Amino acid sequence: MLAARSSVVAKSHVVAAICQDVGPEKLRGFVQKPLSRIKIATHHGCHFNHLTHIIDPEGKLGPWDNPTLMDEMLEALGATMVDYDEKYLCCRYAISLADATPAEKLDMQKFKSLITAGADYLCVAFPSCYLQLEGVQRTFKKDPGWNGIFQCSISQNFLRLN
């Protein structure tokens, strides 16, 4: 039989944990293969933009209406950050579960903005965002002029430290 434990385990997203526990300056010291020559845009997701009272109740991690955590971490890894117009819009994952068409149209605008801004990669923080945005790209790969944007999750970039 398992004994009940009275300890409390703190929960944190990988981005928040690395930002708080390591920080960009210390992270730079770990980099052996910088992400140089790579232009990355970020999609923090509505989890960072709207759920501040859950993720960061004390407000220690910065402005939640304009999150820059992933940008700071990726710059520390040597990437060139790309800003784009639809950066802070939700990926519409929940909407797509009911009706994919409106979500696809809005997400397509996000990708057009990314291409116009010159991004090579889109780095996302949450798996649901990754699935939604990658699904939209698969739908539009049928179009002859569509080249798409490579996607990665923030945790994939930290695997490159060694």
N, C-alpha and C. Protein backbone atom coordinates (compact mmCIF):
# COMPACT_ATOMS: atom_id res chain seq x y z
N MET A 1 0.84 -1.16 0.00
CA MET A 1 0.00 0.00 0.00
C MET A 1 0.90 1.24 0.00
N LEU A 2 0.51 2.24 -0.77
CA LEU A 2 1.26 3.48 -0.84
C LEU A 2 0.86 4.40 0.31
N ALA A 3 1.84 4.98 0.93
CA ALA A 3 1.58 5.93 2.01
C ALA A 3 1.27 7.31 1.42
N ALA A 4 0.37 8.01 2.02
CA ALA A 4 0.04 9.37 1.55
C ALA A 4 1.20 10.30 1.86
N ARG A 5 1.47 11.19 0.96
CA ARG A 5 2.54 12.16 1.14
C ARG A 5 1.94 13.52 1.41
N SER A 6 2.59 14.24 2.28
CA SER A 6 2.07 15.56 2.62
C SER A 6 2.79 16.68 1.86
N SER A 7 3.78 16.33 1.06
CA SER A 7 4.52 17.37 0.34
C SER A 7 3.73 17.88 -0.85
N VAL A 8 3.97 19.10 -1.22
CA VAL A 8 3.32 19.73 -2.36
C VAL A 8 4.37 19.89 -3.46
N VAL A 9 4.02 19.50 -4.67
CA VAL A 9 4.91 19.61 -5.80
C VAL A 9 4.51 20.84 -6.61
N ALA A 10 5.46 21.72 -6.82
CA ALA A 10 5.19 22.92 -7.62
C ALA A 10 5.11 22.53 -9.09
N LYS A 11 4.10 23.06 -9.78
CA LYS A 11 3.93 22.79 -11.21
C LYS A 11 4.34 24.03 -11.98
N SER A 12 5.02 23.80 -13.10
CA SER A 12 5.45 24.93 -13.92
C SER A 12 5.61 24.46 -15.35
N HIS A 13 5.35 25.34 -16.29
CA HIS A 13 5.62 25.03 -17.69
C HIS A 13 7.12 25.09 -17.92
N VAL A 14 7.63 24.33 -18.88
CA VAL A 14 9.06 24.26 -19.13
C VAL A 14 9.65 25.65 -19.41
N VAL A 15 8.92 26.50 -20.12
CA VAL A 15 9.43 27.84 -20.42
C VAL A 15 9.57 28.65 -19.14
N ALA A 16 8.54 28.63 -18.31
CA ALA A 16 8.59 29.37 -17.05
C ALA A 16 9.67 28.82 -16.14
N ALA A 17 9.80 27.50 -16.08
CA ALA A 17 10.80 26.89 -15.21
C ALA A 17 12.22 27.27 -15.63
N ILE A 18 12.51 27.18 -16.92
CA ILE A 18 13.85 27.52 -17.40
C ILE A 18 14.13 29.01 -17.20
N CYS A 19 13.12 29.82 -17.45
CA CYS A 19 13.30 31.27 -17.28
C CYS A 19 13.59 31.61 -15.81
N GLN A 20 12.84 31.00 -14.91
CA GLN A 20 13.02 31.30 -13.49
C GLN A 20 14.26 30.64 -12.91
N ASP A 21 14.47 29.37 -13.24
CA ASP A 21 15.54 28.60 -12.60
C ASP A 21 16.91 28.77 -13.24
N VAL A 22 16.92 29.07 -14.54
CA VAL A 22 18.20 29.19 -15.24
C VAL A 22 18.41 30.63 -15.71
N GLY A 23 17.51 31.12 -16.54
CA GLY A 23 17.61 32.48 -17.06
C GLY A 23 18.47 32.55 -18.30
N PRO A 24 18.26 33.59 -19.12
CA PRO A 24 18.98 33.71 -20.39
C PRO A 24 20.50 33.79 -20.25
N GLU A 25 20.99 34.53 -19.29
CA GLU A 25 22.45 34.71 -19.16
C GLU A 25 23.15 33.38 -18.87
N LYS A 26 22.63 32.63 -17.92
CA LYS A 26 23.23 31.34 -17.59
C LYS A 26 23.07 30.35 -18.74
N LEU A 27 21.92 30.43 -19.41
CA LEU A 27 21.66 29.55 -20.55
C LEU A 27 22.69 29.75 -21.65
N ARG A 28 23.08 30.99 -21.91
CA ARG A 28 24.10 31.28 -22.94
C ARG A 28 25.40 30.51 -22.67
N GLY A 29 25.72 30.34 -21.40
CA GLY A 29 26.94 29.63 -21.05
C GLY A 29 26.91 28.15 -21.37
N PHE A 30 25.73 27.57 -21.51
CA PHE A 30 25.60 26.14 -21.83
C PHE A 30 25.66 25.86 -23.32
N VAL A 31 25.47 26.86 -24.15
CA VAL A 31 25.32 26.66 -25.59
C VAL A 31 26.66 26.28 -26.21
N GLN A 32 26.68 25.12 -26.88
CA GLN A 32 27.86 24.69 -27.62
C GLN A 32 27.65 24.80 -29.12
N LYS A 33 26.40 24.67 -29.56
CA LYS A 33 26.06 24.80 -30.98
C LYS A 33 24.94 25.83 -31.09
N PRO A 34 25.29 27.10 -31.26
CA PRO A 34 24.27 28.15 -31.32
C PRO A 34 23.33 27.97 -32.52
N LEU A 35 22.12 28.46 -32.35
CA LEU A 35 21.12 28.42 -33.42
C LEU A 35 21.33 29.58 -34.39
N SER A 36 22.58 29.87 -34.69
CA SER A 36 22.88 30.99 -35.58
C SER A 36 22.37 30.68 -36.98
N ARG A 37 22.12 31.72 -37.73
CA ARG A 37 21.60 31.65 -39.08
C ARG A 37 20.17 31.14 -39.15
N ILE A 38 19.50 30.99 -38.02
CA ILE A 38 18.11 30.54 -38.01
C ILE A 38 17.23 31.68 -37.54
N LYS A 39 16.22 31.99 -38.34
CA LYS A 39 15.27 33.05 -37.99
C LYS A 39 14.02 32.38 -37.43
N ILE A 40 13.77 32.61 -36.15
CA ILE A 40 12.66 31.94 -35.45
C ILE A 40 11.64 32.97 -34.98
N ALA A 41 10.38 32.64 -35.20
CA ALA A 41 9.26 33.39 -34.64
C ALA A 41 8.67 32.52 -33.53
N THR A 42 8.01 33.14 -32.59
CA THR A 42 7.43 32.38 -31.49
C THR A 42 5.91 32.51 -31.46
N HIS A 43 5.29 31.47 -30.93
CA HIS A 43 3.86 31.47 -30.65
C HIS A 43 3.73 31.02 -29.20
N HIS A 44 3.58 31.99 -28.31
CA HIS A 44 3.47 31.67 -26.88
C HIS A 44 2.17 30.96 -26.55
N GLY A 45 1.13 31.27 -27.27
CA GLY A 45 -0.16 30.63 -27.04
C GLY A 45 -0.98 31.36 -26.00
N CYS A 46 -2.27 31.12 -26.06
CA CYS A 46 -3.17 31.83 -25.14
C CYS A 46 -2.96 31.40 -23.69
N HIS A 47 -2.31 30.26 -23.47
CA HIS A 47 -2.02 29.85 -22.09
C HIS A 47 -1.14 30.89 -21.40
N PHE A 48 -0.17 31.42 -22.14
CA PHE A 48 0.68 32.48 -21.58
C PHE A 48 -0.01 33.82 -21.59
N ASN A 49 -0.84 34.04 -22.59
CA ASN A 49 -1.48 35.35 -22.72
C ASN A 49 -2.67 35.56 -21.80
N HIS A 50 -3.35 34.48 -21.39
CA HIS A 50 -4.60 34.65 -20.66
C HIS A 50 -4.66 33.99 -19.29
N LEU A 51 -3.83 33.01 -19.03
CA LEU A 51 -3.93 32.27 -17.78
C LEU A 51 -2.88 32.69 -16.75
N THR A 52 -2.64 33.96 -16.66
CA THR A 52 -1.56 34.46 -15.81
C THR A 52 -1.75 34.12 -14.35
N HIS A 53 -2.95 34.12 -13.88
CA HIS A 53 -3.19 33.85 -12.46
C HIS A 53 -2.82 32.42 -12.10
N ILE A 54 -2.77 31.52 -13.08
CA ILE A 54 -2.40 30.14 -12.82
C ILE A 54 -0.90 29.94 -13.02
N ILE A 55 -0.37 30.43 -14.13
CA ILE A 55 1.03 30.20 -14.47
C ILE A 55 1.98 31.01 -13.60
N ASP A 56 1.64 32.25 -13.33
CA ASP A 56 2.55 33.16 -12.64
C ASP A 56 1.77 34.09 -11.70
N PRO A 57 1.25 33.55 -10.61
CA PRO A 57 0.39 34.37 -9.74
C PRO A 57 1.09 35.59 -9.14
N GLU A 58 2.40 35.55 -8.97
CA GLU A 58 3.12 36.69 -8.41
C GLU A 58 3.61 37.67 -9.47
N GLY A 59 3.47 37.34 -10.73
CA GLY A 59 3.91 38.23 -11.80
C GLY A 59 5.42 38.35 -11.93
N LYS A 60 6.15 37.28 -11.62
CA LYS A 60 7.62 37.32 -11.64
C LYS A 60 8.22 37.19 -13.03
N LEU A 61 7.46 36.66 -13.98
CA LEU A 61 8.03 36.32 -15.28
C LEU A 61 7.82 37.36 -16.36
N GLY A 62 7.30 38.51 -16.02
CA GLY A 62 7.21 39.56 -17.02
C GLY A 62 5.80 39.86 -17.49
N PRO A 63 5.72 40.63 -18.55
CA PRO A 63 4.42 41.10 -19.04
C PRO A 63 3.65 40.00 -19.75
N TRP A 64 2.52 39.65 -19.21
CA TRP A 64 1.74 38.57 -19.82
C TRP A 64 0.91 39.03 -21.00
N ASP A 65 0.71 40.33 -21.15
CA ASP A 65 -0.01 40.80 -22.32
C ASP A 65 0.95 40.91 -23.52
N ASN A 66 2.24 40.75 -23.27
CA ASN A 66 3.26 40.81 -24.31
C ASN A 66 4.39 39.87 -23.92
N PRO A 67 4.12 38.55 -23.89
CA PRO A 67 5.13 37.62 -23.39
C PRO A 67 6.37 37.57 -24.28
N THR A 68 7.52 37.52 -23.65
CA THR A 68 8.79 37.46 -24.38
C THR A 68 9.68 36.33 -23.86
N LEU A 69 9.15 35.47 -23.01
CA LEU A 69 9.98 34.42 -22.39
C LEU A 69 10.67 33.54 -23.42
N MET A 70 9.92 33.03 -24.39
CA MET A 70 10.53 32.15 -25.38
C MET A 70 11.52 32.91 -26.25
N ASP A 71 11.20 34.15 -26.57
CA ASP A 71 12.12 34.96 -27.38
C ASP A 71 13.46 35.12 -26.65
N GLU A 72 13.40 35.41 -25.36
CA GLU A 72 14.63 35.59 -24.58
C GLU A 72 15.44 34.30 -24.51
N MET A 73 14.76 33.17 -24.33
CA MET A 73 15.46 31.89 -24.25
C MET A 73 16.08 31.53 -25.60
N LEU A 74 15.34 31.74 -26.70
CA LEU A 74 15.86 31.41 -28.02
C LEU A 74 16.99 32.34 -28.44
N GLU A 75 16.91 33.61 -28.08
CA GLU A 75 18.03 34.53 -28.33
C GLU A 75 19.27 34.06 -27.58
N ALA A 76 19.09 33.58 -26.36
CA ALA A 76 20.21 33.07 -25.58
C ALA A 76 20.84 31.85 -26.25
N LEU A 77 20.04 31.10 -27.03
CA LEU A 77 20.56 29.94 -27.75
C LEU A 77 21.18 30.34 -29.09
N GLY A 78 21.15 31.64 -29.41
CA GLY A 78 21.81 32.15 -30.60
C GLY A 78 20.90 32.40 -31.79
N ALA A 79 19.60 32.21 -31.64
CA ALA A 79 18.68 32.41 -32.77
C ALA A 79 18.42 33.89 -33.01
N THR A 80 18.06 34.21 -34.25
CA THR A 80 17.60 35.54 -34.60
C THR A 80 16.08 35.52 -34.51
N MET A 81 15.52 36.40 -33.70
CA MET A 81 14.09 36.42 -33.49
C MET A 81 13.39 37.24 -34.56
N VAL A 82 12.23 36.75 -34.99
CA VAL A 82 11.42 37.42 -36.00
C VAL A 82 10.10 37.82 -35.36
N ASP A 83 9.76 39.08 -35.50
CA ASP A 83 8.48 39.58 -35.00
C ASP A 83 7.49 39.57 -36.16
N TYR A 84 6.22 39.31 -35.86
CA TYR A 84 5.19 39.30 -36.90
C TYR A 84 3.87 39.78 -36.31
N ASP A 85 2.98 40.21 -37.18
CA ASP A 85 1.75 40.89 -36.75
C ASP A 85 0.84 40.04 -35.86
N GLU A 86 0.66 38.79 -36.16
CA GLU A 86 -0.29 37.94 -35.43
C GLU A 86 0.35 37.16 -34.29
N LYS A 87 1.46 37.64 -33.77
CA LYS A 87 2.23 36.90 -32.77
C LYS A 87 1.42 36.49 -31.53
N TYR A 88 0.54 37.34 -31.07
CA TYR A 88 -0.14 37.08 -29.80
C TYR A 88 -1.56 36.53 -29.97
N LEU A 89 -1.91 36.10 -31.16
CA LEU A 89 -3.22 35.51 -31.37
C LEU A 89 -3.23 34.04 -30.99
N CYS A 90 -4.34 33.59 -30.49
CA CYS A 90 -4.55 32.19 -30.14
C CYS A 90 -4.50 31.33 -31.41
N CYS A 91 -4.10 30.08 -31.29
CA CYS A 91 -4.05 29.18 -32.44
C CYS A 91 -5.42 28.63 -32.80
N ARG A 92 -6.38 28.81 -31.94
CA ARG A 92 -7.77 28.40 -32.16
C ARG A 92 -7.98 26.89 -32.12
N TYR A 93 -7.17 26.20 -31.36
CA TYR A 93 -7.30 24.74 -31.24
C TYR A 93 -8.70 24.35 -30.77
N ALA A 94 -9.18 24.98 -29.72
CA ALA A 94 -10.50 24.63 -29.19
C ALA A 94 -11.60 24.89 -30.20
N ILE A 95 -11.50 25.99 -30.95
CA ILE A 95 -12.50 26.30 -31.98
C ILE A 95 -12.50 25.23 -33.06
N SER A 96 -11.31 24.77 -33.42
CA SER A 96 -11.19 23.80 -34.51
C SER A 96 -11.85 22.46 -34.16
N LEU A 97 -11.99 22.17 -32.87
CA LEU A 97 -12.65 20.93 -32.48
C LEU A 97 -14.13 20.95 -32.85
N ALA A 98 -14.73 22.14 -32.88
CA ALA A 98 -16.14 22.28 -33.25
C ALA A 98 -16.30 22.49 -34.75
N ASP A 99 -15.45 23.33 -35.34
CA ASP A 99 -15.53 23.65 -36.77
C ASP A 99 -14.16 24.11 -37.23
N ALA A 100 -13.51 23.31 -38.04
CA ALA A 100 -12.13 23.59 -38.44
C ALA A 100 -12.00 24.76 -39.40
N THR A 101 -13.00 25.03 -40.21
CA THR A 101 -12.89 26.03 -41.26
C THR A 101 -12.54 27.44 -40.77
N PRO A 102 -13.28 28.01 -39.79
CA PRO A 102 -12.91 29.36 -39.34
C PRO A 102 -11.52 29.41 -38.71
N ALA A 103 -11.16 28.37 -37.97
CA ALA A 103 -9.84 28.33 -37.35
C ALA A 103 -8.75 28.26 -38.41
N GLU A 104 -8.95 27.47 -39.44
CA GLU A 104 -7.97 27.35 -40.51
C GLU A 104 -7.76 28.68 -41.23
N LYS A 105 -8.85 29.38 -41.50
CA LYS A 105 -8.74 30.67 -42.19
C LYS A 105 -7.94 31.67 -41.36
N LEU A 106 -8.22 31.72 -40.07
CA LEU A 106 -7.51 32.66 -39.21
C LEU A 106 -6.05 32.26 -39.03
N ASP A 107 -5.79 30.97 -38.88
CA ASP A 107 -4.40 30.51 -38.73
C ASP A 107 -3.61 30.69 -40.02
N MET A 108 -4.28 30.59 -41.15
CA MET A 108 -3.60 30.82 -42.42
C MET A 108 -3.08 32.25 -42.49
N GLN A 109 -3.84 33.18 -41.95
CA GLN A 109 -3.37 34.57 -41.90
C GLN A 109 -2.10 34.67 -41.06
N LYS A 110 -2.04 33.91 -39.97
CA LYS A 110 -0.85 33.88 -39.12
C LYS A 110 0.36 33.40 -39.93
N PHE A 111 0.19 32.35 -40.72
CA PHE A 111 1.30 31.83 -41.52
C PHE A 111 1.71 32.79 -42.62
N LYS A 112 0.76 33.46 -43.23
CA LYS A 112 1.11 34.46 -44.25
C LYS A 112 1.95 35.58 -43.62
N SER A 113 1.58 35.97 -42.41
CA SER A 113 2.34 36.99 -41.69
C SER A 113 3.75 36.50 -41.37
N LEU A 114 3.89 35.24 -40.99
CA LEU A 114 5.20 34.65 -40.69
C LEU A 114 6.09 34.65 -41.93
N ILE A 115 5.52 34.28 -43.05
CA ILE A 115 6.28 34.24 -44.30
C ILE A 115 6.71 35.64 -44.70
N THR A 116 5.79 36.59 -44.60
CA THR A 116 6.11 37.98 -44.93
C THR A 116 7.23 38.52 -44.04
N ALA A 117 7.23 38.12 -42.76
CA ALA A 117 8.24 38.59 -41.82
C ALA A 117 9.59 37.90 -42.01
N GLY A 118 9.63 36.80 -42.78
CA GLY A 118 10.90 36.12 -43.07
C GLY A 118 11.29 35.03 -42.10
N ALA A 119 10.33 34.47 -41.37
CA ALA A 119 10.64 33.41 -40.41
C ALA A 119 10.95 32.09 -41.11
N ASP A 120 11.97 31.38 -40.59
CA ASP A 120 12.29 30.03 -41.05
C ASP A 120 11.54 28.99 -40.22
N TYR A 121 11.38 29.29 -38.94
CA TYR A 121 10.76 28.37 -37.99
C TYR A 121 9.72 29.10 -37.16
N LEU A 122 8.75 28.33 -36.69
CA LEU A 122 7.80 28.81 -35.69
C LEU A 122 7.97 27.92 -34.47
N CYS A 123 8.33 28.50 -33.37
CA CYS A 123 8.54 27.77 -32.13
C CYS A 123 7.32 27.97 -31.23
N VAL A 124 6.71 26.87 -30.82
CA VAL A 124 5.50 26.93 -29.99
C VAL A 124 5.78 26.38 -28.60
N ALA A 125 4.95 26.80 -27.65
CA ALA A 125 5.15 26.39 -26.26
C ALA A 125 4.28 25.21 -25.85
N PHE A 126 3.13 25.04 -26.49
CA PHE A 126 2.16 24.06 -26.02
C PHE A 126 1.85 23.03 -27.11
N PRO A 127 1.72 21.76 -26.72
CA PRO A 127 1.43 20.70 -27.70
C PRO A 127 0.14 20.93 -28.49
N SER A 128 -0.90 21.45 -27.86
CA SER A 128 -2.15 21.68 -28.60
C SER A 128 -1.94 22.72 -29.69
N CYS A 129 -1.16 23.73 -29.42
CA CYS A 129 -0.85 24.74 -30.44
C CYS A 129 -0.07 24.10 -31.60
N TYR A 130 0.89 23.28 -31.26
CA TYR A 130 1.68 22.61 -32.29
C TYR A 130 0.77 21.78 -33.19
N LEU A 131 -0.11 20.98 -32.59
CA LEU A 131 -1.01 20.13 -33.38
C LEU A 131 -1.92 20.95 -34.28
N GLN A 132 -2.49 22.02 -33.74
CA GLN A 132 -3.39 22.86 -34.51
C GLN A 132 -2.68 23.51 -35.69
N LEU A 133 -1.55 24.14 -35.42
CA LEU A 133 -0.85 24.88 -36.47
C LEU A 133 -0.23 23.95 -37.51
N GLU A 134 0.25 22.81 -37.09
CA GLU A 134 0.79 21.84 -38.05
C GLU A 134 -0.33 21.26 -38.90
N GLY A 135 -1.49 21.02 -38.29
CA GLY A 135 -2.65 20.52 -39.05
C GLY A 135 -3.09 21.50 -40.11
N VAL A 136 -3.08 22.78 -39.79
CA VAL A 136 -3.44 23.81 -40.77
C VAL A 136 -2.44 23.80 -41.92
N GLN A 137 -1.18 23.66 -41.61
CA GLN A 137 -0.18 23.62 -42.68
C GLN A 137 -0.38 22.41 -43.58
N ARG A 138 -0.71 21.25 -42.99
CA ARG A 138 -0.94 20.06 -43.80
C ARG A 138 -2.10 20.28 -44.77
N THR A 139 -3.13 20.97 -44.31
CA THR A 139 -4.28 21.26 -45.15
C THR A 139 -3.88 22.13 -46.33
N PHE A 140 -3.02 23.11 -46.10
CA PHE A 140 -2.66 24.06 -47.15
C PHE A 140 -1.47 23.62 -47.98
N LYS A 141 -0.85 22.50 -47.66
CA LYS A 141 0.25 22.00 -48.49
C LYS A 141 -0.23 21.58 -49.87
N LYS A 142 -1.54 21.43 -50.02
CA LYS A 142 -2.12 21.09 -51.32
C LYS A 142 -1.98 22.25 -52.31
N ASP A 143 -1.90 23.47 -51.79
CA ASP A 143 -1.78 24.65 -52.66
C ASP A 143 -0.39 24.68 -53.28
N PRO A 144 -0.31 24.88 -54.60
CA PRO A 144 0.99 24.83 -55.30
C PRO A 144 2.02 25.84 -54.79
N GLY A 145 1.62 27.01 -54.35
CA GLY A 145 2.58 28.02 -53.92
C GLY A 145 2.92 27.97 -52.44
N TRP A 146 2.39 26.99 -51.72
CA TRP A 146 2.59 26.94 -50.27
C TRP A 146 3.87 26.20 -49.92
N ASN A 147 4.81 26.89 -49.29
CA ASN A 147 6.06 26.27 -48.84
C ASN A 147 6.01 25.91 -47.37
N GLY A 148 5.21 26.63 -46.62
CA GLY A 148 5.08 26.33 -45.20
C GLY A 148 6.21 26.88 -44.35
N ILE A 149 6.08 26.66 -43.07
CA ILE A 149 7.05 27.09 -42.07
C ILE A 149 7.38 25.88 -41.22
N PHE A 150 8.64 25.61 -40.96
CA PHE A 150 9.01 24.53 -40.05
C PHE A 150 8.54 24.87 -38.65
N GLN A 151 8.04 23.89 -37.95
CA GLN A 151 7.61 24.10 -36.57
C GLN A 151 8.45 23.26 -35.62
N CYS A 152 8.60 23.78 -34.41
CA CYS A 152 9.28 23.03 -33.35
C CYS A 152 8.69 23.48 -32.02
N SER A 153 8.87 22.65 -31.02
CA SER A 153 8.44 23.06 -29.69
C SER A 153 9.64 23.65 -28.96
N ILE A 154 9.38 24.46 -27.98
CA ILE A 154 10.47 25.11 -27.24
C ILE A 154 11.40 24.07 -26.62
N SER A 155 10.87 22.96 -26.14
CA SER A 155 11.72 21.96 -25.50
C SER A 155 12.68 21.30 -26.51
N GLN A 156 12.31 21.23 -27.79
CA GLN A 156 13.21 20.67 -28.79
C GLN A 156 14.48 21.52 -28.93
N ASN A 157 14.36 22.81 -28.76
CA ASN A 157 15.53 23.68 -28.89
C ASN A 157 16.51 23.48 -27.74
N PHE A 158 16.01 23.14 -26.57
CA PHE A 158 16.91 22.94 -25.43
C PHE A 158 17.67 21.63 -25.53
N LEU A 159 17.22 20.71 -26.36
CA LEU A 159 17.94 19.46 -26.56
C LEU A 159 19.26 19.71 -27.29
N ARG A 160 19.41 20.84 -27.94
CA ARG A 160 20.62 21.18 -28.71
C ARG A 160 21.76 21.69 -27.84
N LEU A 161 21.56 21.79 -26.56
CA LEU A 161 22.60 22.38 -25.71
C LEU A 161 23.87 21.52 -25.66
N ASN A 162 23.74 20.24 -25.79
CA ASN A 162 24.93 19.36 -25.66
C ASN A 162 25.55 19.08 -27.00
